[in-house]
């Protein structure tokens, strides 16, 4: 496999994904267009760095989900903001990431921040 001479700035990819999440279902093609690359080039450069597009999307959803839950956003609003079809789909993803529901996570977060 031929290595590209230009490394991809992964933080830039994460930033674009983060910007696109609340607007629509994020796709490789959308992200590549914003970054002024072809979808194949973006995919290849991610692979060269041992990453996949779906992994980065999942990672950004998790990061944003934690922040929104900590801000006490409604779960339905969090799900919509992250591009999930409904709160149930979001809850299942969050449980996969953390082993707990979004409400359990929120409760633990606030117990740590505001111990009684």
PDB file of N, CA and C in Angstrom:
ATOM      1  N   UNK A   1       0.847  -1.191   0.000  1.00  0.00           N
ATOM      2  CA  UNK A   1       0.000   0.000   0.000  1.00  0.00           C
ATOM      3  C   UNK A   1       0.882   1.241   0.000  1.00  0.00           C
ATOM      4  N   UNK A   2       0.586   2.161  -0.869  1.00  0.00           N
ATOM      5  CA  UNK A   2       1.349   3.402  -0.983  1.00  0.00           C
ATOM      6  C   UNK A   2       0.951   4.357   0.139  1.00  0.00           C
ATOM      7  N   UNK A   3       1.911   4.854   0.855  1.00  0.00           N
ATOM      8  CA  UNK A   3       1.655   5.815   1.930  1.00  0.00           C
ATOM      9  C   UNK A   3       1.508   7.211   1.347  1.00  0.00           C
ATOM     10  N   UNK A   4       0.515   7.949   1.838  1.00  0.00           N
ATOM     11  CA  UNK A   4       0.389   9.327   1.374  1.00  0.00           C
ATOM     12  C   UNK A   4       1.459  10.156   2.066  1.00  0.00           C
ATOM     13  N   UNK A   5       1.893  11.201   1.399  1.00  0.00           N
ATOM     14  CA  UNK A   5       2.947  12.033   1.961  1.00  0.00           C
ATOM     15  C   UNK A   5       2.394  12.998   3.005  1.00  0.00           C
ATOM     16  N   UNK A   6       1.089  13.145   3.027  1.00  0.00           N
ATOM     17  CA  UNK A   6       0.485  14.107   3.934  1.00  0.00           C
ATOM     18  C   UNK A   6      -0.338  13.370   4.990  1.00  0.00           C
ATOM     19  N   UNK A   7       0.035  13.552   6.253  1.00  0.00           N
ATOM     20  CA  UNK A   7      -0.745  12.961   7.332  1.00  0.00           C
ATOM     21  C   UNK A   7      -2.014  13.778   7.537  1.00  0.00           C
ATOM     22  N   UNK A   8      -3.045  13.088   7.879  1.00  0.00           N
ATOM     23  CA  UNK A   8      -4.331  13.718   8.122  1.00  0.00           C
ATOM     24  C   UNK A   8      -4.371  14.237   9.550  1.00  0.00           C
ATOM     25  N   UNK A   9      -4.839  15.442   9.738  1.00  0.00           N
ATOM     26  CA  UNK A   9      -4.998  15.995  11.077  1.00  0.00           C
ATOM     27  C   UNK A   9      -6.295  15.429  11.660  1.00  0.00           C
ATOM     28  N   UNK A  10      -6.151  14.467  12.550  1.00  0.00           N
ATOM     29  CA  UNK A  10      -7.307  13.769  13.109  1.00  0.00           C
ATOM     30  C   UNK A  10      -8.192  14.724  13.909  1.00  0.00           C
ATOM     31  N   UNK A  11      -7.600  15.680  14.584  1.00  0.00           N
ATOM     32  CA  UNK A  11      -8.413  16.647  15.324  1.00  0.00           C
ATOM     33  C   UNK A  11      -9.303  17.455  14.384  1.00  0.00           C
ATOM     34  N   UNK A  12      -8.811  17.726  13.181  1.00  0.00           N
ATOM     35  CA  UNK A  12      -9.633  18.426  12.187  1.00  0.00           C
ATOM     36  C   UNK A  12     -10.819  17.571  11.762  1.00  0.00           C
ATOM     37  N   UNK A  13     -10.568  16.281  11.572  1.00  0.00           N
ATOM     38  CA  UNK A  13     -11.650  15.371  11.199  1.00  0.00           C
ATOM     39  C   UNK A  13     -12.680  15.329  12.329  1.00  0.00           C
ATOM     40  N   UNK A  14     -12.207  15.201  13.557  1.00  0.00           N
ATOM     41  CA  UNK A  14     -13.115  15.186  14.712  1.00  0.00           C
ATOM     42  C   UNK A  14     -13.939  16.481  14.770  1.00  0.00           C
ATOM     43  N   UNK A  15     -13.288  17.599  14.504  1.00  0.00           N
ATOM     44  CA  UNK A  15     -13.982  18.883  14.529  1.00  0.00           C
ATOM     45  C   UNK A  15     -15.090  18.965  13.496  1.00  0.00           C
ATOM     46  N   UNK A  16     -14.802  18.491  12.290  1.00  0.00           N
ATOM     47  CA  UNK A  16     -15.825  18.498  11.234  1.00  0.00           C
ATOM     48  C   UNK A  16     -16.975  17.576  11.627  1.00  0.00           C
ATOM     49  N   UNK A  17     -16.648  16.396  12.106  1.00  0.00           N
ATOM     50  CA  UNK A  17     -17.695  15.467  12.539  1.00  0.00           C
ATOM     51  C   UNK A  17     -18.549  16.113  13.624  1.00  0.00           C
ATOM     52  N   UNK A  18     -17.903  16.740  14.604  1.00  0.00           N
ATOM     53  CA  UNK A  18     -18.631  17.405  15.682  1.00  0.00           C
ATOM     54  C   UNK A  18     -19.562  18.496  15.181  1.00  0.00           C
ATOM     55  N   UNK A  19     -19.125  19.227  14.163  1.00  0.00           N
ATOM     56  CA  UNK A  19     -19.970  20.280  13.582  1.00  0.00           C
ATOM     57  C   UNK A  19     -21.148  19.697  12.808  1.00  0.00           C
ATOM     58  N   UNK A  20     -20.932  18.565  12.154  1.00  0.00           N
ATOM     59  CA  UNK A  20     -21.984  17.965  11.337  1.00  0.00           C
ATOM     60  C   UNK A  20     -23.009  17.183  12.159  1.00  0.00           C
ATOM     61  N   UNK A  21     -22.623  16.678  13.322  1.00  0.00           N
ATOM     62  CA  UNK A  21     -23.528  15.829  14.107  1.00  0.00           C
ATOM     63  C   UNK A  21     -24.917  16.433  14.319  1.00  0.00           C
ATOM     64  N   UNK A  22     -25.036  17.667  14.793  1.00  0.00           N
ATOM     65  CA  UNK A  22     -26.382  18.170  15.049  1.00  0.00           C
ATOM     66  C   UNK A  22     -27.172  18.488  13.782  1.00  0.00           C
ATOM     67  N   UNK A  23     -26.509  18.536  12.649  1.00  0.00           N
ATOM     68  CA  UNK A  23     -27.165  18.947  11.405  1.00  0.00           C
ATOM     69  C   UNK A  23     -27.751  17.782  10.625  1.00  0.00           C
ATOM     70  N   UNK A  24     -27.141  16.612  10.728  1.00  0.00           N
ATOM     71  CA  UNK A  24     -27.594  15.479   9.920  1.00  0.00           C
ATOM     72  C   UNK A  24     -26.868  14.214  10.343  1.00  0.00           C
ATOM     73  N   UNK A  25     -27.247  13.109   9.711  1.00  0.00           N
ATOM     74  CA  UNK A  25     -26.473  11.894   9.862  1.00  0.00           C
ATOM     75  C   UNK A  25     -25.127  12.158   9.196  1.00  0.00           C
ATOM     76  N   UNK A  26     -24.083  11.987   9.908  1.00  0.00           N
ATOM     77  CA  UNK A  26     -22.750  12.277   9.386  1.00  0.00           C
ATOM     78  C   UNK A  26     -22.300  11.137   8.478  1.00  0.00           C
ATOM     79  N   UNK A  27     -21.838  11.502   7.295  1.00  0.00           N
ATOM     80  CA  UNK A  27     -21.322  10.494   6.373  1.00  0.00           C
ATOM     81  C   UNK A  27     -19.869  10.802   6.033  1.00  0.00           C
ATOM     82  N   UNK A  28     -19.206   9.782   5.550  1.00  0.00           N
ATOM     83  CA  UNK A  28     -17.836   9.940   5.088  1.00  0.00           C
ATOM     84  C   UNK A  28     -17.783  10.964   3.963  1.00  0.00           C
ATOM     85  N   UNK A  29     -18.738  10.892   3.048  1.00  0.00           N
ATOM     86  CA  UNK A  29     -18.765  11.811   1.901  1.00  0.00           C
ATOM     87  C   UNK A  29     -18.946  13.261   2.348  1.00  0.00           C
ATOM     88  N   UNK A  30     -19.865  13.504   3.296  1.00  0.00           N
ATOM     89  CA  UNK A  30     -20.077  14.870   3.800  1.00  0.00           C
ATOM     90  C   UNK A  30     -18.803  15.410   4.436  1.00  0.00           C
ATOM     91  N   UNK A  31     -18.211  14.594   5.283  1.00  0.00           N
ATOM     92  CA  UNK A  31     -17.010  15.013   5.997  1.00  0.00           C
ATOM     93  C   UNK A  31     -15.880  15.300   5.017  1.00  0.00           C
ATOM     94  N   UNK A  32     -15.707  14.429   4.033  1.00  0.00           N
ATOM     95  CA  UNK A  32     -14.654  14.620   3.036  1.00  0.00           C
ATOM     96  C   UNK A  32     -14.877  15.908   2.251  1.00  0.00           C
ATOM     97  N   UNK A  33     -16.121  16.183   1.891  1.00  0.00           N
ATOM     98  CA  UNK A  33     -16.439  17.400   1.141  1.00  0.00           C
ATOM     99  C   UNK A  33     -16.057  18.637   1.943  1.00  0.00           C
ATOM    100  N   UNK A  34     -16.415  18.661   3.216  1.00  0.00           N
ATOM    101  CA  UNK A  34     -16.072  19.807   4.067  1.00  0.00           C
ATOM    102  C   UNK A  34     -14.555  19.962   4.160  1.00  0.00           C
ATOM    103  N   UNK A  35     -13.850  18.839   4.184  1.00  0.00           N
ATOM    104  CA  UNK A  35     -12.391  18.873   4.306  1.00  0.00           C
ATOM    105  C   UNK A  35     -11.690  19.039   2.952  1.00  0.00           C
ATOM    106  N   UNK A  36     -12.484  19.180   1.905  1.00  0.00           N
ATOM    107  CA  UNK A  36     -11.963  19.339   0.546  1.00  0.00           C
ATOM    108  C   UNK A  36     -11.100  18.155   0.120  1.00  0.00           C
ATOM    109  N   UNK A  37     -11.608  16.947   0.415  1.00  0.00           N
ATOM    110  CA  UNK A  37     -10.979  15.702   0.013  1.00  0.00           C
ATOM    111  C   UNK A  37     -12.032  14.844  -0.662  1.00  0.00           C
ATOM    112  N   UNK A  38     -11.591  13.805  -1.354  1.00  0.00           N
ATOM    113  CA  UNK A  38     -12.558  12.816  -1.819  1.00  0.00           C
ATOM    114  C   UNK A  38     -12.825  11.856  -0.668  1.00  0.00           C
ATOM    115  N   UNK A  39     -13.953  11.195  -0.721  1.00  0.00           N
ATOM    116  CA  UNK A  39     -14.282  10.232   0.329  1.00  0.00           C
ATOM    117  C   UNK A  39     -13.220   9.136   0.401  1.00  0.00           C
ATOM    118  N   UNK A  40     -12.762   8.671  -0.737  1.00  0.00           N
ATOM    119  CA  UNK A  40     -11.746   7.613  -0.774  1.00  0.00           C
ATOM    120  C   UNK A  40     -10.431   8.084  -0.158  1.00  0.00           C
ATOM    121  N   UNK A  41     -10.041   9.322  -0.429  1.00  0.00           N
ATOM    122  CA  UNK A  41      -8.800   9.851   0.149  1.00  0.00           C
ATOM    123  C   UNK A  41      -8.915   9.949   1.666  1.00  0.00           C
ATOM    124  N   UNK A  42     -10.051  10.452   2.144  1.00  0.00           N
ATOM    125  CA  UNK A  42     -10.249  10.535   3.593  1.00  0.00           C
ATOM    126  C   UNK A  42     -10.195   9.147   4.217  1.00  0.00           C
ATOM    127  N   UNK A  43     -10.898   8.207   3.626  1.00  0.00           N
ATOM    128  CA  UNK A  43     -10.912   6.846   4.142  1.00  0.00           C
ATOM    129  C   UNK A  43      -9.509   6.238   4.150  1.00  0.00           C
ATOM    130  N   UNK A  44      -8.763   6.443   3.072  1.00  0.00           N
ATOM    131  CA  UNK A  44      -7.402   5.904   2.971  1.00  0.00           C
ATOM    132  C   UNK A  44      -6.477   6.523   4.018  1.00  0.00           C
ATOM    133  N   UNK A  45      -6.564   7.841   4.177  1.00  0.00           N
ATOM    134  CA  UNK A  45      -5.681   8.515   5.145  1.00  0.00           C
ATOM    135  C   UNK A  45      -6.016   8.109   6.579  1.00  0.00           C
ATOM    136  N   UNK A  46      -7.275   7.898   6.865  1.00  0.00           N
ATOM    137  CA  UNK A  46      -7.650   7.403   8.199  1.00  0.00           C
ATOM    138  C   UNK A  46      -7.076   6.007   8.413  1.00  0.00           C
ATOM    139  N   UNK A  47      -7.217   5.161   7.404  1.00  0.00           N
ATOM    140  CA  UNK A  47      -6.699   3.793   7.505  1.00  0.00           C
ATOM    141  C   UNK A  47      -5.189   3.781   7.695  1.00  0.00           C
ATOM    142  N   UNK A  48      -4.483   4.693   7.036  1.00  0.00           N
ATOM    143  CA  UNK A  48      -3.025   4.788   7.188  1.00  0.00           C
ATOM    144  C   UNK A  48      -2.636   5.095   8.626  1.00  0.00           C
ATOM    145  N   UNK A  49      -3.561   5.723   9.357  1.00  0.00           N
ATOM    146  CA  UNK A  49      -3.285   6.064  10.756  1.00  0.00           C
ATOM    147  C   UNK A  49      -3.988   5.102  11.711  1.00  0.00           C
ATOM    148  N   UNK A  50      -4.493   4.004  11.172  1.00  0.00           N
ATOM    149  CA  UNK A  50      -5.100   2.967  11.991  1.00  0.00           C
ATOM    150  C   UNK A  50      -6.481   3.317  12.518  1.00  0.00           C
ATOM    151  N   UNK A  51      -7.184   4.196  11.820  1.00  0.00           N
ATOM    152  CA  UNK A  51      -8.502   4.636  12.265  1.00  0.00           C
ATOM    153  C   UNK A  51      -9.556   4.341  11.218  1.00  0.00           C
ATOM    154  N   UNK A  52     -10.783   4.312  11.673  1.00  0.00           N
ATOM    155  CA  UNK A  52     -11.900   4.195  10.734  1.00  0.00           C
ATOM    156  C   UNK A  52     -12.827   5.381  10.956  1.00  0.00           C
ATOM    157  N   UNK A  53     -13.543   5.748   9.916  1.00  0.00           N
ATOM    158  CA  UNK A  53     -14.477   6.866  10.009  1.00  0.00           C
ATOM    159  C   UNK A  53     -15.565   6.572  11.038  1.00  0.00           C
ATOM    160  N   UNK A  54     -16.110   5.372  10.996  1.00  0.00           N
ATOM    161  CA  UNK A  54     -17.189   5.047  11.942  1.00  0.00           C
ATOM    162  C   UNK A  54     -16.712   5.110  13.386  1.00  0.00           C
ATOM    163  N   UNK A  55     -15.476   4.727  13.622  1.00  0.00           N
ATOM    164  CA  UNK A  55     -14.922   4.823  14.981  1.00  0.00           C
ATOM    165  C   UNK A  55     -14.834   6.283  15.433  1.00  0.00           C
ATOM    166  N   UNK A  56     -14.409   7.169  14.538  1.00  0.00           N
ATOM    167  CA  UNK A  56     -14.326   8.588  14.893  1.00  0.00           C
ATOM    168  C   UNK A  56     -15.706   9.185  15.152  1.00  0.00           C
ATOM    169  N   UNK A  57     -16.696   8.805  14.348  1.00  0.00           N
ATOM    170  CA  UNK A  57     -18.061   9.294  14.567  1.00  0.00           C
ATOM    171  C   UNK A  57     -18.559   8.818  15.924  1.00  0.00           C
ATOM    172  N   UNK A  58     -18.351   7.549  16.216  1.00  0.00           N
ATOM    173  CA  UNK A  58     -18.780   6.986  17.498  1.00  0.00           C
ATOM    174  C   UNK A  58     -18.094   7.712  18.658  1.00  0.00           C
ATOM    175  N   UNK A  59     -16.805   7.960  18.510  1.00  0.00           N
ATOM    176  CA  UNK A  59     -16.032   8.668  19.543  1.00  0.00           C
ATOM    177  C   UNK A  59     -16.583  10.083  19.772  1.00  0.00           C
ATOM    178  N   UNK A  60     -16.862  10.791  18.691  1.00  0.00           N
ATOM    179  CA  UNK A  60     -17.390  12.156  18.833  1.00  0.00           C
ATOM    180  C   UNK A  60     -18.783  12.156  19.431  1.00  0.00           C
ATOM    181  N   UNK A  61     -19.594  11.182  19.069  1.00  0.00           N
ATOM    182  CA  UNK A  61     -20.922  11.084  19.681  1.00  0.00           C
ATOM    183  C   UNK A  61     -20.797  10.876  21.184  1.00  0.00           C
ATOM    184  N   UNK A  62     -19.888  10.017  21.593  1.00  0.00           N
ATOM    185  CA  UNK A  62     -19.701   9.750  23.022  1.00  0.00           C
ATOM    186  C   UNK A  62     -19.235  11.004  23.757  1.00  0.00           C
ATOM    187  N   UNK A  63     -18.269  11.698  23.205  1.00  0.00           N
ATOM    188  CA  UNK A  63     -17.762  12.921  23.839  1.00  0.00           C
ATOM    189  C   UNK A  63     -18.877  13.954  23.971  1.00  0.00           C
ATOM    190  N   UNK A  64     -19.616  14.165  22.897  1.00  0.00           N
ATOM    191  CA  UNK A  64     -20.704  15.146  22.932  1.00  0.00           C
ATOM    192  C   UNK A  64     -21.837  14.688  23.835  1.00  0.00           C
ATOM    193  N   UNK A  65     -22.114  13.399  23.846  1.00  0.00           N
ATOM    194  CA  UNK A  65     -23.186  12.871  24.701  1.00  0.00           C
ATOM    195  C   UNK A  65     -22.888  13.149  26.168  1.00  0.00           C
ATOM    196  N   UNK A  66     -21.668  12.866  26.585  1.00  0.00           N
ATOM    197  CA  UNK A  66     -21.315  13.127  27.993  1.00  0.00           C
ATOM    198  C   UNK A  66     -21.505  14.593  28.337  1.00  0.00           C
ATOM    199  N   UNK A  67     -21.050  15.474  27.468  1.00  0.00           N
ATOM    200  CA  UNK A  67     -21.174  16.913  27.738  1.00  0.00           C
ATOM    201  C   UNK A  67     -22.635  17.331  27.828  1.00  0.00           C
ATOM    202  N   UNK A  68     -23.451  16.864  26.907  1.00  0.00           N
ATOM    203  CA  UNK A  68     -24.868  17.250  26.899  1.00  0.00           C
ATOM    204  C   UNK A  68     -25.612  16.676  28.107  1.00  0.00           C
ATOM    205  N   UNK A  69     -25.278  15.453  28.484  1.00  0.00           N
ATOM    206  CA  UNK A  69     -25.912  14.851  29.662  1.00  0.00           C
ATOM    207  C   UNK A  69     -25.518  15.626  30.909  1.00  0.00           C
ATOM    208  N   UNK A  70     -24.265  16.023  30.994  1.00  0.00           N
ATOM    209  CA  UNK A  70     -23.809  16.791  32.152  1.00  0.00           C
ATOM    210  C   UNK A  70     -24.462  18.168  32.211  1.00  0.00           C
ATOM    211  N   UNK A  71     -24.868  18.688  31.058  1.00  0.00           N
ATOM    212  CA  UNK A  71     -25.559  19.976  31.019  1.00  0.00           C
ATOM    213  C   UNK A  71     -27.055  19.829  31.291  1.00  0.00           C
ATOM    214  N   UNK A  72     -27.466  18.601  31.603  1.00  0.00           N
ATOM    215  CA  UNK A  72     -28.861  18.282  31.943  1.00  0.00           C
ATOM    216  C   UNK A  72     -29.829  18.435  30.774  1.00  0.00           C
ATOM    217  N   UNK A  73     -29.328  18.211  29.571  1.00  0.00           N
ATOM    218  CA  UNK A  73     -30.202  18.226  28.398  1.00  0.00           C
ATOM    219  C   UNK A  73     -31.139  17.019  28.467  1.00  0.00           C
ATOM    220  N   UNK A  74     -32.329  17.166  27.916  1.00  0.00           N
ATOM    221  CA  UNK A  74     -33.268  16.044  27.841  1.00  0.00           C
ATOM    222  C   UNK A  74     -32.683  14.979  26.933  1.00  0.00           C
ATOM    223  N   UNK A  75     -32.913  13.708  27.267  1.00  0.00           N
ATOM    224  CA  UNK A  75     -32.342  12.618  26.473  1.00  0.00           C
ATOM    225  C   UNK A  75     -32.819  12.651  25.032  1.00  0.00           C
ATOM    226  N   UNK A  76     -34.074  12.997  24.803  1.00  0.00           N
ATOM    227  CA  UNK A  76     -34.580  13.085  23.428  1.00  0.00           C
ATOM    228  C   UNK A  76     -33.821  14.151  22.654  1.00  0.00           C
ATOM    229  N   UNK A  77     -33.503  15.263  23.308  1.00  0.00           N
ATOM    230  CA  UNK A  77     -32.740  16.328  22.648  1.00  0.00           C
ATOM    231  C   UNK A  77     -31.305  15.899  22.384  1.00  0.00           C
ATOM    232  N   UNK A  78     -30.717  15.170  23.323  1.00  0.00           N
ATOM    233  CA  UNK A  78     -29.357  14.660  23.130  1.00  0.00           C
ATOM    234  C   UNK A  78     -29.342  13.717  21.938  1.00  0.00           C
ATOM    235  N   UNK A  79     -30.307  12.809  21.886  1.00  0.00           N
ATOM    236  CA  UNK A  79     -30.386  11.840  20.787  1.00  0.00           C
ATOM    237  C   UNK A  79     -30.490  12.560  19.446  1.00  0.00           C
ATOM    238  N   UNK A  80     -31.358  13.552  19.366  1.00  0.00           N
ATOM    239  CA  UNK A  80     -31.527  14.314  18.128  1.00  0.00           C
ATOM    240  C   UNK A  80     -30.246  15.040  17.758  1.00  0.00           C
ATOM    241  N   UNK A  81     -29.621  15.673  18.735  1.00  0.00           N
ATOM    242  CA  UNK A  81     -28.381  16.428  18.506  1.00  0.00           C
ATOM    243  C   UNK A  81     -27.265  15.532  17.955  1.00  0.00           C
ATOM    244  N   UNK A  82     -27.281  14.265  18.359  1.00  0.00           N
ATOM    245  CA  UNK A  82     -26.218  13.345  17.952  1.00  0.00           C
ATOM    246  C   UNK A  82     -26.578  12.529  16.718  1.00  0.00           C
ATOM    247  N   UNK A  83     -27.767  12.780  16.156  1.00  0.00           N
ATOM    248  CA  UNK A  83     -28.142  12.102  14.923  1.00  0.00           C
ATOM    249  C   UNK A  83     -28.800  10.752  15.097  1.00  0.00           C
ATOM    250  N   UNK A  84     -29.275  10.443  16.299  1.00  0.00           N
ATOM    251  CA  UNK A  84     -29.984   9.182  16.514  1.00  0.00           C
ATOM    252  C   UNK A  84     -31.455   9.349  16.165  1.00  0.00           C
ATOM    253  N   UNK A  85     -32.070   8.266  15.726  1.00  0.00           N
ATOM    254  CA  UNK A  85     -33.479   8.300  15.328  1.00  0.00           C
ATOM    255  C   UNK A  85     -34.400   8.548  16.522  1.00  0.00           C
ATOM    256  N   UNK A  86     -33.998   8.054  17.686  1.00  0.00           N
ATOM    257  CA  UNK A  86     -34.836   8.220  18.871  1.00  0.00           C
ATOM    258  C   UNK A  86     -33.990   8.046  20.132  1.00  0.00           C
ATOM    259  N   UNK A  87     -34.595   8.352  21.267  1.00  0.00           N
ATOM    260  CA  UNK A  87     -33.880   8.273  22.548  1.00  0.00           C
ATOM    261  C   UNK A  87     -33.478   6.837  22.874  1.00  0.00           C
ATOM    262  N   UNK A  88     -34.275   5.865  22.448  1.00  0.00           N
ATOM    263  CA  UNK A  88     -33.945   4.462  22.709  1.00  0.00           C
ATOM    264  C   UNK A  88     -32.655   4.040  22.023  1.00  0.00           C
ATOM    265  N   UNK A  89     -32.488   4.449  20.785  1.00  0.00           N
ATOM    266  CA  UNK A  89     -31.258   4.128  20.052  1.00  0.00           C
ATOM    267  C   UNK A  89     -30.051   4.770  20.728  1.00  0.00           C
ATOM    268  N   UNK A  90     -30.224   6.012  21.149  1.00  0.00           N
ATOM    269  CA  UNK A  90     -29.144   6.701  21.852  1.00  0.00           C
ATOM    270  C   UNK A  90     -28.822   5.995  23.165  1.00  0.00           C
ATOM    271  N   UNK A  91     -29.847   5.632  23.929  1.00  0.00           N
ATOM    272  CA  UNK A  91     -29.638   4.972  25.221  1.00  0.00           C
ATOM    273  C   UNK A  91     -28.867   3.671  25.049  1.00  0.00           C
ATOM    274  N   UNK A  92     -29.213   2.877  24.036  1.00  0.00           N
ATOM    275  CA  UNK A  92     -28.484   1.625  23.787  1.00  0.00           C
ATOM    276  C   UNK A  92     -27.016   1.902  23.453  1.00  0.00           C
ATOM    277  N   UNK A  93     -26.760   2.912  22.641  1.00  0.00           N
ATOM    278  CA  UNK A  93     -25.373   3.254  22.310  1.00  0.00           C
ATOM    279  C   UNK A  93     -24.623   3.700  23.558  1.00  0.00           C
ATOM    280  N   UNK A  94     -25.265   4.531  24.371  1.00  0.00           N
ATOM    281  CA  UNK A  94     -24.604   5.027  25.578  1.00  0.00           C
ATOM    282  C   UNK A  94     -24.288   3.873  26.531  1.00  0.00           C
ATOM    283  N   UNK A  95     -25.215   2.938  26.654  1.00  0.00           N
ATOM    284  CA  UNK A  95     -24.966   1.767  27.509  1.00  0.00           C
ATOM    285  C   UNK A  95     -23.816   0.924  26.971  1.00  0.00           C
ATOM    286  N   UNK A  96     -23.692   0.840  25.650  1.00  0.00           N
ATOM    287  CA  UNK A  96     -22.567   0.123  25.036  1.00  0.00           C
ATOM    288  C   UNK A  96     -21.253   0.816  25.379  1.00  0.00           C
ATOM    289  N   UNK A  97     -21.250   2.154  25.357  1.00  0.00           N
ATOM    290  CA  UNK A  97     -20.028   2.908  25.641  1.00  0.00           C
ATOM    291  C   UNK A  97     -19.620   2.832  27.100  1.00  0.00           C
ATOM    292  N   UNK A  98     -20.591   2.921  28.001  1.00  0.00           N
ATOM    293  CA  UNK A  98     -20.277   3.116  29.421  1.00  0.00           C
ATOM    294  C   UNK A  98     -20.696   1.983  30.344  1.00  0.00           C
ATOM    295  N   UNK A  99     -21.598   1.122  29.893  1.00  0.00           N
ATOM    296  CA  UNK A  99     -22.120   0.076  30.763  1.00  0.00           C
ATOM    297  C   UNK A  99     -23.224   0.574  31.685  1.00  0.00           C
ATOM    298  N   UNK A 100     -23.679   1.799  31.472  1.00  0.00           N
ATOM    299  CA  UNK A 100     -24.772   2.348  32.277  1.00  0.00           C
ATOM    300  C   UNK A 100     -25.667   3.218  31.409  1.00  0.00           C
ATOM    301  N   UNK A 101     -26.863   3.461  31.893  1.00  0.00           N
ATOM    302  CA  UNK A 101     -27.790   4.300  31.132  1.00  0.00           C
ATOM    303  C   UNK A 101     -27.360   5.760  31.233  1.00  0.00           C
ATOM    304  N   UNK A 102     -27.848   6.609  30.325  1.00  0.00           N
ATOM    305  CA  UNK A 102     -27.531   8.040  30.417  1.00  0.00           C
ATOM    306  C   UNK A 102     -27.988   8.653  31.742  1.00  0.00           C
ATOM    307  N   UNK A 103     -29.129   8.212  32.258  1.00  0.00           N
ATOM    308  CA  UNK A 103     -29.612   8.755  33.534  1.00  0.00           C
ATOM    309  C   UNK A 103     -28.735   8.315  34.701  1.00  0.00           C
ATOM    310  N   UNK A 104     -28.267   7.065  34.678  1.00  0.00           N
ATOM    311  CA  UNK A 104     -27.342   6.610  35.716  1.00  0.00           C
ATOM    312  C   UNK A 104     -26.040   7.409  35.653  1.00  0.00           C
ATOM    313  N   UNK A 105     -25.561   7.643  34.435  1.00  0.00           N
ATOM    314  CA  UNK A 105     -24.344   8.424  34.252  1.00  0.00           C
ATOM    315  C   UNK A 105     -24.529   9.826  34.820  1.00  0.00           C
ATOM    316  N   UNK A 106     -25.634  10.457  34.486  1.00  0.00           N
ATOM    317  CA  UNK A 106     -25.917  11.813  34.965  1.00  0.00           C
ATOM    318  C   UNK A 106     -25.946  11.837  36.493  1.00  0.00           C
ATOM    319  N   UNK A 107     -26.608  10.872  37.080  1.00  0.00           N
ATOM    320  CA  UNK A 107     -26.710  10.807  38.541  1.00  0.00           C
ATOM    321  C   UNK A 107     -25.317  10.663  39.169  1.00  0.00           C
ATOM    322  N   UNK A 108     -24.495   9.762  38.623  1.00  0.00           N
ATOM    323  CA  UNK A 108     -23.130   9.576  39.154  1.00  0.00           C
ATOM    324  C   UNK A 108     -22.295  10.841  38.974  1.00  0.00           C
ATOM    325  N   UNK A 109     -22.426  11.494  37.830  1.00  0.00           N
ATOM    326  CA  UNK A 109     -21.680  12.715  37.580  1.00  0.00           C
ATOM    327  C   UNK A 109     -22.016  13.764  38.632  1.00  0.00           C
ATOM    328  N   UNK A 110     -23.292  13.988  38.875  1.00  0.00           N
ATOM    329  CA  UNK A 110     -23.683  15.013  39.834  1.00  0.00           C
ATOM    330  C   UNK A 110     -23.401  14.633  41.276  1.00  0.00           C
ATOM    331  N   UNK A 111     -23.359  13.337  41.557  1.00  0.00           N
ATOM    332  CA  UNK A 111     -22.949  12.907  42.898  1.00  0.00           C
ATOM    333  C   UNK A 111     -21.475  13.218  43.132  1.00  0.00           C
ATOM    334  N   UNK A 112     -20.654  13.102  42.071  1.00  0.00           N
ATOM    335  CA  UNK A 112     -19.235  13.423  42.199  1.00  0.00           C
ATOM    336  C   UNK A 112     -18.998  14.918  42.282  1.00  0.00           C
ATOM    337  N   UNK A 113     -19.745  15.661  41.489  1.00  0.00           N
ATOM    338  CA  UNK A 113     -19.567  17.123  41.438  1.00  0.00           C
ATOM    339  C   UNK A 113     -20.150  17.789  42.677  1.00  0.00           C
ATOM    340  N   UNK A 114     -21.274  17.285  43.146  1.00  0.00           N
ATOM    341  CA  UNK A 114     -21.977  17.864  44.303  1.00  0.00           C
ATOM    342  C   UNK A 114     -22.211  16.806  45.365  1.00  0.00           C
ATOM    343  N   UNK A 115     -21.152  16.330  46.017  1.00  0.00           N
ATOM    344  CA  UNK A 115     -21.346  15.289  47.037  1.00  0.00           C
ATOM    345  C   UNK A 115     -22.161  15.847  48.204  1.00  0.00           C
ATOM    346  N   UNK A 116     -22.962  14.960  48.784  1.00  0.00           N
ATOM    347  CA  UNK A 116     -23.801  15.395  49.937  1.00  0.00           C
ATOM    348  C   UNK A 116     -23.134  15.132  51.237  1.00  0.00           C
TER     349      UNK A 116
END
